[in-house]
PDB file of N, CA and C in Angstrom:
ATOM      1  N   MET A   1      -7.195  -8.548  12.857  1.00  0.00           N
ATOM      2  CA  MET A   1      -6.068  -7.810  13.378  1.00  0.00           C
ATOM      3  C   MET A   1      -4.970  -7.737  12.317  1.00  0.00           C
ATOM      4  N   TYR A   2      -4.184  -6.710  12.438  1.00  0.00           N
ATOM      5  CA  TYR A   2      -3.095  -6.476  11.490  1.00  0.00           C
ATOM      6  C   TYR A   2      -1.771  -6.368  12.228  1.00  0.00           C
ATOM      7  N   LEU A   3      -0.712  -6.773  11.546  1.00  0.00           N
ATOM      8  CA  LEU A   3       0.645  -6.663  12.078  1.00  0.00           C
ATOM      9  C   LEU A   3       1.374  -5.591  11.287  1.00  0.00           C
ATOM     10  N   ASN A   4       1.904  -4.597  11.992  1.00  0.00           N
ATOM     11  CA  ASN A   4       2.689  -3.538  11.362  1.00  0.00           C
ATOM     12  C   ASN A   4       4.137  -4.024  11.291  1.00  0.00           C
ATOM     13  N   VAL A   5       4.627  -4.246  10.066  1.00  0.00           N
ATOM     14  CA  VAL A   5       5.997  -4.734   9.893  1.00  0.00           C
ATOM     15  C   VAL A   5       6.973  -3.604   9.600  1.00  0.00           C
ATOM     16  N   GLY A   6       6.487  -2.365   9.617  1.00  0.00           N
ATOM     17  CA  GLY A   6       7.337  -1.202   9.411  1.00  0.00           C
ATOM     18  C   GLY A   6       6.849  -0.332   8.278  1.00  0.00           C
ATOM     19  N   ALA A   7       7.148   0.955   8.356  1.00  0.00           N
ATOM     20  CA  ALA A   7       6.822   1.936   7.324  1.00  0.00           C
ATOM     21  C   ALA A   7       5.344   1.879   6.927  1.00  0.00           C
ATOM     22  N   ASP A   8       4.479   1.756   7.934  1.00  0.00           N
ATOM     23  CA  ASP A   8       3.031   1.707   7.709  1.00  0.00           C
ATOM     24  C   ASP A   8       2.594   0.564   6.805  1.00  0.00           C
ATOM     25  N   THR A   9       3.365  -0.502   6.771  1.00  0.00           N
ATOM     26  CA  THR A   9       3.002  -1.696   6.013  1.00  0.00           C
ATOM     27  C   THR A   9       2.318  -2.666   6.964  1.00  0.00           C
ATOM     28  N   LEU A  10       1.066  -2.981   6.663  1.00  0.00           N
ATOM     29  CA  LEU A  10       0.270  -3.844   7.520  1.00  0.00           C
ATOM     30  C   LEU A  10      -0.023  -5.165   6.826  1.00  0.00           C
ATOM     31  N   ILE A  11       0.009  -6.243   7.611  1.00  0.00           N
ATOM     32  CA  ILE A  11      -0.314  -7.569   7.113  1.00  0.00           C
ATOM     33  C   ILE A  11      -1.431  -8.135   7.992  1.00  0.00           C
ATOM     34  N   ARG A  12      -2.455  -8.680   7.347  1.00  0.00           N
ATOM     35  CA  ARG A  12      -3.531  -9.310   8.120  1.00  0.00           C
ATOM     36  C   ARG A  12      -2.985 -10.513   8.864  1.00  0.00           C
ATOM     37  N   GLY A  13      -3.373 -10.660  10.105  1.00  0.00           N
ATOM     38  CA  GLY A  13      -2.878 -11.748  10.941  1.00  0.00           C
ATOM     39  C   GLY A  13      -3.121 -13.127  10.366  1.00  0.00           C
ATOM     40  N   GLU A  14      -4.290 -13.333   9.768  1.00  0.00           N
ATOM     41  CA  GLU A  14      -4.613 -14.650   9.227  1.00  0.00           C
ATOM     42  C   GLU A  14      -3.850 -14.963   7.940  1.00  0.00           C
ATOM     43  N   ASP A  15      -3.168 -13.971   7.362  1.00  0.00           N
ATOM     44  CA  ASP A  15      -2.380 -14.186   6.147  1.00  0.00           C
ATOM     45  C   ASP A  15      -0.931 -14.583   6.428  1.00  0.00           C
ATOM     46  N   ILE A  16      -0.529 -14.523   7.688  1.00  0.00           N
ATOM     47  CA  ILE A  16       0.866 -14.796   8.049  1.00  0.00           C
ATOM     48  C   ILE A  16       1.115 -16.297   8.116  1.00  0.00           C
ATOM     49  N   VAL A  17       2.109 -16.739   7.345  1.00  0.00           N
ATOM     50  CA  VAL A  17       2.535 -18.138   7.385  1.00  0.00           C
ATOM     51  C   VAL A  17       3.637 -18.297   8.420  1.00  0.00           C
ATOM     52  N   GLY A  18       4.581 -17.356   8.440  1.00  0.00           N
ATOM     53  CA  GLY A  18       5.680 -17.439   9.383  1.00  0.00           C
ATOM     54  C   GLY A  18       6.468 -16.152   9.470  1.00  0.00           C
ATOM     55  N   ILE A  19       7.153 -16.001  10.599  1.00  0.00           N
ATOM     56  CA  ILE A  19       8.032 -14.855  10.846  1.00  0.00           C
ATOM     57  C   ILE A  19       9.422 -15.436  11.074  1.00  0.00           C
ATOM     58  N   PHE A  20      10.398 -14.929  10.325  1.00  0.00           N
ATOM     59  CA  PHE A  20      11.732 -15.527  10.334  1.00  0.00           C
ATOM     60  C   PHE A  20      12.812 -14.484  10.567  1.00  0.00           C
ATOM     61  N   ASP A  21      13.834 -14.879  11.304  1.00  0.00           N
ATOM     62  CA  ASP A  21      15.010 -14.040  11.500  1.00  0.00           C
ATOM     63  C   ASP A  21      15.836 -14.091  10.220  1.00  0.00           C
ATOM     64  N   LEU A  22      16.149 -12.941   9.678  1.00  0.00           N
ATOM     65  CA  LEU A  22      16.843 -12.886   8.387  1.00  0.00           C
ATOM     66  C   LEU A  22      18.259 -13.434   8.472  1.00  0.00           C
ATOM     67  N   ASP A  23      18.975 -13.130   9.547  1.00  0.00           N
ATOM     68  CA  ASP A  23      20.361 -13.596   9.666  1.00  0.00           C
ATOM     69  C   ASP A  23      20.454 -15.111   9.790  1.00  0.00           C
ATOM     70  N   SER A  24      19.676 -15.688  10.676  1.00  0.00           N
ATOM     71  CA  SER A  24      19.819 -17.127  10.914  1.00  0.00           C
ATOM     72  C   SER A  24      19.150 -17.974   9.838  1.00  0.00           C
ATOM     73  N   SER A  25      18.041 -17.515   9.288  1.00  0.00           N
ATOM     74  CA  SER A  25      17.343 -18.345   8.299  1.00  0.00           C
ATOM     75  C   SER A  25      17.921 -18.232   6.898  1.00  0.00           C
ATOM     76  N   SER A  26      18.590 -17.138   6.596  1.00  0.00           N
ATOM     77  CA  SER A  26      19.137 -16.978   5.252  1.00  0.00           C
ATOM     78  C   SER A  26      20.487 -17.668   5.077  1.00  0.00           C
ATOM     79  N   VAL A  27      20.933 -18.381   6.090  1.00  0.00           N
ATOM     80  CA  VAL A  27      22.174 -19.139   6.002  1.00  0.00           C
ATOM     81  C   VAL A  27      21.966 -20.386   5.151  1.00  0.00           C
ATOM     82  N   GLY A  28      20.791 -20.984   5.245  1.00  0.00           N
ATOM     83  CA  GLY A  28      20.493 -22.203   4.492  1.00  0.00           C
ATOM     84  C   GLY A  28      20.331 -21.932   3.004  1.00  0.00           C
ATOM     85  N   SER A  29      20.788 -22.866   2.200  1.00  0.00           N
ATOM     86  CA  SER A  29      20.746 -22.673   0.752  1.00  0.00           C
ATOM     87  C   SER A  29      19.313 -22.643   0.217  1.00  0.00           C
ATOM     88  N   ASP A  30      18.412 -23.422   0.821  1.00  0.00           N
ATOM     89  CA  ASP A  30      17.020 -23.430   0.371  1.00  0.00           C
ATOM     90  C   ASP A  30      16.363 -22.070   0.583  1.00  0.00           C
ATOM     91  N   THR A  31      16.605 -21.478   1.739  1.00  0.00           N
ATOM     92  CA  THR A  31      16.016 -20.173   2.037  1.00  0.00           C
ATOM     93  C   THR A  31      16.624 -19.098   1.151  1.00  0.00           C
ATOM     94  N   LYS A  32      17.923 -19.160   0.942  1.00  0.00           N
ATOM     95  CA  LYS A  32      18.580 -18.188   0.056  1.00  0.00           C
ATOM     96  C   LYS A  32      17.989 -18.238  -1.345  1.00  0.00           C
ATOM     97  N   SER A  33      17.823 -19.454  -1.864  1.00  0.00           N
ATOM     98  CA  SER A  33      17.291 -19.576  -3.224  1.00  0.00           C
ATOM     99  C   SER A  33      15.838 -19.134  -3.294  1.00  0.00           C
ATOM    100  N   MET A  34      15.048 -19.399  -2.247  1.00  0.00           N
ATOM    101  CA  MET A  34      13.666 -18.942  -2.222  1.00  0.00           C
ATOM    102  C   MET A  34      13.596 -17.415  -2.221  1.00  0.00           C
ATOM    103  N   LEU A  35      14.430 -16.787  -1.396  1.00  0.00           N
ATOM    104  CA  LEU A  35      14.444 -15.327  -1.329  1.00  0.00           C
ATOM    105  C   LEU A  35      14.846 -14.717  -2.672  1.00  0.00           C
ATOM    106  N   LYS A  36      15.851 -15.283  -3.319  1.00  0.00           N
ATOM    107  CA  LYS A  36      16.274 -14.782  -4.633  1.00  0.00           C
ATOM    108  C   LYS A  36      15.174 -14.950  -5.667  1.00  0.00           C
ATOM    109  N   LYS A  37      14.529 -16.118  -5.663  1.00  0.00           N
ATOM    110  CA  LYS A  37      13.458 -16.385  -6.611  1.00  0.00           C
ATOM    111  C   LYS A  37      12.289 -15.413  -6.407  1.00  0.00           C
ATOM    112  N   LYS A  38      11.897 -15.208  -5.167  1.00  0.00           N
ATOM    113  CA  LYS A  38      10.788 -14.295  -4.864  1.00  0.00           C
ATOM    114  C   LYS A  38      11.137 -12.856  -5.255  1.00  0.00           C
ATOM    115  N   GLU A  39      12.402 -12.492  -5.068  1.00  0.00           N
ATOM    116  CA  GLU A  39      12.824 -11.145  -5.443  1.00  0.00           C
ATOM    117  C   GLU A  39      12.743 -10.957  -6.961  1.00  0.00           C
ATOM    118  N   LYS A  40      13.171 -11.947  -7.712  1.00  0.00           N
ATOM    119  CA  LYS A  40      13.097 -11.869  -9.181  1.00  0.00           C
ATOM    120  C   LYS A  40      11.655 -11.793  -9.661  1.00  0.00           C
ATOM    121  N   LEU A  41      10.745 -12.458  -8.952  1.00  0.00           N
ATOM    122  CA  LEU A  41       9.335 -12.455  -9.317  1.00  0.00           C
ATOM    123  C   LEU A  41       8.607 -11.186  -8.861  1.00  0.00           C
ATOM    124  N   GLY A  42       9.295 -10.347  -8.093  1.00  0.00           N
ATOM    125  CA  GLY A  42       8.679  -9.116  -7.595  1.00  0.00           C
ATOM    126  C   GLY A  42       7.770  -9.335  -6.404  1.00  0.00           C
ATOM    127  N   CYS A  43       8.015 -10.410  -5.672  1.00  0.00           N
ATOM    128  CA  CYS A  43       7.175 -10.749  -4.523  1.00  0.00           C
ATOM    129  C   CYS A  43       7.765 -10.305  -3.190  1.00  0.00           C
ATOM    130  N   VAL A  44       8.830  -9.514  -3.226  1.00  0.00           N
ATOM    131  CA  VAL A  44       9.460  -9.043  -1.996  1.00  0.00           C
ATOM    132  C   VAL A  44       9.094  -7.589  -1.785  1.00  0.00           C
ATOM    133  N   VAL A  45       8.556  -7.313  -0.595  1.00  0.00           N
ATOM    134  CA  VAL A  45       8.164  -5.957  -0.230  1.00  0.00           C
ATOM    135  C   VAL A  45       9.081  -5.497   0.892  1.00  0.00           C
ATOM    136  N   ARG A  46       9.736  -4.382   0.682  1.00  0.00           N
ATOM    137  CA  ARG A  46      10.625  -3.828   1.710  1.00  0.00           C
ATOM    138  C   ARG A  46       9.827  -2.842   2.553  1.00  0.00           C
ATOM    139  N   ALA A  47       9.604  -3.192   3.807  1.00  0.00           N
ATOM    140  CA  ALA A  47       8.828  -2.361   4.718  1.00  0.00           C
ATOM    141  C   ALA A  47       9.781  -1.486   5.525  1.00  0.00           C
ATOM    142  N   GLY A  48      10.147  -0.360   4.970  1.00  0.00           N
ATOM    143  CA  GLY A  48      11.063   0.557   5.643  1.00  0.00           C
ATOM    144  C   GLY A  48      12.364   0.707   4.905  1.00  0.00           C
ATOM    145  N   TYR A  49      13.162   1.622   5.375  1.00  0.00           N
ATOM    146  CA  TYR A  49      14.424   1.942   4.710  1.00  0.00           C
ATOM    147  C   TYR A  49      15.638   1.469   5.493  1.00  0.00           C
ATOM    148  N   GLU A  50      15.409   1.010   6.706  1.00  0.00           N
ATOM    149  CA  GLU A  50      16.512   0.524   7.526  1.00  0.00           C
ATOM    150  C   GLU A  50      16.885  -0.902   7.116  1.00  0.00           C
ATOM    151  N   LEU A  51      18.034  -1.347   7.576  1.00  0.00           N
ATOM    152  CA  LEU A  51      18.505  -2.692   7.293  1.00  0.00           C
ATOM    153  C   LEU A  51      17.497  -3.707   7.837  1.00  0.00           C
ATOM    154  N   PRO A  52      16.994  -4.617   7.002  1.00  0.00           N
ATOM    155  CA  PRO A  52      16.002  -5.580   7.484  1.00  0.00           C
ATOM    156  C   PRO A  52      16.609  -6.600   8.443  1.00  0.00           C
ATOM    157  N   LYS A  53      15.828  -6.940   9.474  1.00  0.00           N
ATOM    158  CA  LYS A  53      16.256  -7.917  10.469  1.00  0.00           C
ATOM    159  C   LYS A  53      15.462  -9.209  10.382  1.00  0.00           C
ATOM    160  N   SER A  54      14.297  -9.139   9.758  1.00  0.00           N
ATOM    161  CA  SER A  54      13.449 -10.317   9.672  1.00  0.00           C
ATOM    162  C   SER A  54      12.617 -10.256   8.403  1.00  0.00           C
ATOM    163  N   PHE A  55      11.937 -11.367   8.124  1.00  0.00           N
ATOM    164  CA  PHE A  55      10.977 -11.341   7.031  1.00  0.00           C
ATOM    165  C   PHE A  55       9.741 -12.136   7.415  1.00  0.00           C
ATOM    166  N   VAL A  56       8.623 -11.727   6.818  1.00  0.00           N
ATOM    167  CA  VAL A  56       7.337 -12.365   7.071  1.00  0.00           C
ATOM    168  C   VAL A  56       6.859 -12.970   5.755  1.00  0.00           C
ATOM    169  N   LEU A  57       6.521 -14.248   5.791  1.00  0.00           N
ATOM    170  CA  LEU A  57       5.996 -14.949   4.629  1.00  0.00           C
ATOM    171  C   LEU A  57       4.481 -15.009   4.758  1.00  0.00           C
ATOM    172  N   THR A  58       3.776 -14.675   3.678  1.00  0.00           N
ATOM    173  CA  THR A  58       2.317 -14.679   3.718  1.00  0.00           C
ATOM    174  C   THR A  58       1.754 -15.771   2.807  1.00  0.00           C
ATOM    175  N   VAL A  59       0.465 -16.059   2.967  1.00  0.00           N
ATOM    176  CA  VAL A  59      -0.168 -17.145   2.223  1.00  0.00           C
ATOM    177  C   VAL A  59      -0.162 -16.910   0.716  1.00  0.00           C
ATOM    178  N   ASP A  60      -0.093 -15.660   0.285  1.00  0.00           N
ATOM    179  CA  ASP A  60      -0.071 -15.382  -1.157  1.00  0.00           C
ATOM    180  C   ASP A  60       1.338 -15.453  -1.737  1.00  0.00           C
ATOM    181  N   GLY A  61       2.311 -15.856  -0.920  1.00  0.00           N
ATOM    182  CA  GLY A  61       3.675 -16.040  -1.396  1.00  0.00           C
ATOM    183  C   GLY A  61       4.549 -14.805  -1.343  1.00  0.00           C
ATOM    184  N   LYS A  62       4.033 -13.706  -0.807  1.00  0.00           N
ATOM    185  CA  LYS A  62       4.851 -12.493  -0.689  1.00  0.00           C
ATOM    186  C   LYS A  62       5.747 -12.588   0.537  1.00  0.00           C
ATOM    187  N   ILE A  63       6.863 -11.883   0.430  1.00  0.00           N
ATOM    188  CA  ILE A  63       7.809 -11.788   1.534  1.00  0.00           C
ATOM    189  C   ILE A  63       7.954 -10.321   1.893  1.00  0.00           C
ATOM    190  N   TYR A  64       7.735 -10.021   3.153  1.00  0.00           N
ATOM    191  CA  TYR A  64       7.859  -8.655   3.653  1.00  0.00           C
ATOM    192  C   TYR A  64       9.121  -8.563   4.496  1.00  0.00           C
ATOM    193  N   LEU A  65      10.077  -7.745   4.059  1.00  0.00           N
ATOM    194  CA  LEU A  65      11.298  -7.517   4.831  1.00  0.00           C
ATOM    195  C   LEU A  65      11.003  -6.457   5.869  1.00  0.00           C
ATOM    196  N   SER A  66      11.332  -6.745   7.115  1.00  0.00           N
ATOM    197  CA  SER A  66      11.002  -5.845   8.212  1.00  0.00           C
ATOM    198  C   SER A  66      12.248  -5.390   8.955  1.00  0.00           C
ATOM    199  N   GLN A  67      12.203  -4.155   9.405  1.00  0.00           N
ATOM    200  CA  GLN A  67      13.291  -3.594  10.206  1.00  0.00           C
ATOM    201  C   GLN A  67      13.228  -4.077  11.655  1.00  0.00           C
ATOM    202  N   PHE A  68      12.110  -4.706  12.028  1.00  0.00           N
ATOM    203  CA  PHE A  68      11.937  -5.199  13.392  1.00  0.00           C
ATOM    204  C   PHE A  68      12.480  -6.619  13.511  1.00  0.00           C
ATOM    205  N   ALA A  69      13.015  -6.932  14.665  1.00  0.00           N
ATOM    206  CA  ALA A  69      13.512  -8.281  14.919  1.00  0.00           C
ATOM    207  C   ALA A  69      12.349  -9.267  14.929  1.00  0.00           C
ATOM    208  N   SER A  70      12.631 -10.510  14.573  1.00  0.00           N
ATOM    209  CA  SER A  70      11.577 -11.525  14.517  1.00  0.00           C
ATOM    210  C   SER A  70      10.921 -11.728  15.877  1.00  0.00           C
ATOM    211  N   GLY A  71      11.693 -11.607  16.952  1.00  0.00           N
ATOM    212  CA  GLY A  71      11.134 -11.742  18.300  1.00  0.00           C
ATOM    213  C   GLY A  71      10.122 -10.654  18.621  1.00  0.00           C
ATOM    214  N   VAL A  72      10.398  -9.454  18.163  1.00  0.00           N
ATOM    215  CA  VAL A  72       9.475  -8.334  18.384  1.00  0.00           C
ATOM    216  C   VAL A  72       8.174  -8.571  17.631  1.00  0.00           C
ATOM    217  N   LEU A  73       8.274  -8.983  16.379  1.00  0.00           N
ATOM    218  CA  LEU A  73       7.076  -9.263  15.585  1.00  0.00           C
ATOM    219  C   LEU A  73       6.280 -10.428  16.183  1.00  0.00           C
ATOM    220  N   SER A  74       6.980 -11.468  16.604  1.00  0.00           N
ATOM    221  CA  SER A  74       6.313 -12.617  17.212  1.00  0.00           C
ATOM    222  C   SER A  74       5.591 -12.214  18.496  1.00  0.00           C
ATOM    223  N   ASP A  75       6.227 -11.377  19.299  1.00  0.00           N
ATOM    224  CA  ASP A  75       5.584 -10.902  20.529  1.00  0.00           C
ATOM    225  C   ASP A  75       4.323 -10.102  20.223  1.00  0.00           C
ATOM    226  N   MET A  76       4.363  -9.284  19.166  1.00  0.00           N
ATOM    227  CA  MET A  76       3.178  -8.504  18.801  1.00  0.00           C
ATOM    228  C   MET A  76       2.036  -9.435  18.388  1.00  0.00           C
ATOM    229  N   VAL A  77       2.365 -10.497  17.672  1.00  0.00           N
ATOM    230  CA  VAL A  77       1.352 -11.464  17.250  1.00  0.00           C
ATOM    231  C   VAL A  77       0.765 -12.175  18.470  1.00  0.00           C
ATOM    232  N   LYS A  78       1.625 -12.586  19.389  1.00  0.00           N
ATOM    233  CA  LYS A  78       1.162 -13.288  20.590  1.00  0.00           C
ATOM    234  C   LYS A  78       0.293 -12.382  21.461  1.00  0.00           C
ATOM    235  N   LYS A  79       0.684 -11.123  21.600  1.00  0.00           N
ATOM    236  CA  LYS A  79      -0.099 -10.194  22.415  1.00  0.00           C
ATOM    237  C   LYS A  79      -1.473  -9.926  21.799  1.00  0.00           C
ATOM    238  N   ALA A  80      -1.538 -10.012  20.470  1.00  0.00           N
ATOM    239  CA  ALA A  80      -2.827  -9.810  19.794  1.00  0.00           C
ATOM    240  C   ALA A  80      -3.660 -11.083  19.828  1.00  0.00           C
ATOM    241  N   ARG A  81      -3.083 -12.158  20.366  1.00  0.00           N
ATOM    242  CA  ARG A  81      -3.765 -13.445  20.556  1.00  0.00           C
ATOM    243  C   ARG A  81      -4.194 -14.096  19.238  1.00  0.00           C
ATOM    244  N   TRP A  82      -3.374 -13.938  18.210  1.00  0.00           N
ATOM    245  CA  TRP A  82      -3.631 -14.634  16.949  1.00  0.00           C
ATOM    246  C   TRP A  82      -3.203 -16.079  17.046  1.00  0.00           C
ATOM    247  N   LEU A  83      -2.207 -16.316  17.891  1.00  0.00           N
ATOM    248  CA  LEU A  83      -1.665 -17.660  18.033  1.00  0.00           C
ATOM    249  C   LEU A  83      -1.803 -18.104  19.492  1.00  0.00           C
ATOM    250  N   PRO A  84      -1.848 -19.396  19.748  1.00  0.00           N
ATOM    251  CA  PRO A  84      -1.952 -19.889  21.137  1.00  0.00           C
ATOM    252  C   PRO A  84      -0.685 -19.628  21.917  1.00  0.00           C
TER     253      PRO A  84
END
């Protein structure tokens, strides 16, 4: 199964490490520095043109910025029964 994070960007369900709310998780200094580092390395993929609300971390270390709220993405994953 695949998760559509926006703008026809699909991520395989088994590749997802976590789904995070951009506003609340980017407050911490560790997350901020990780996001900056990944951006410098070219590992950040912007899925869509709207203001991102969440990001998805994958096993290969890429970060996908999504226009969808983290709750919406999490619900899609749960409905697809990837997680218990």
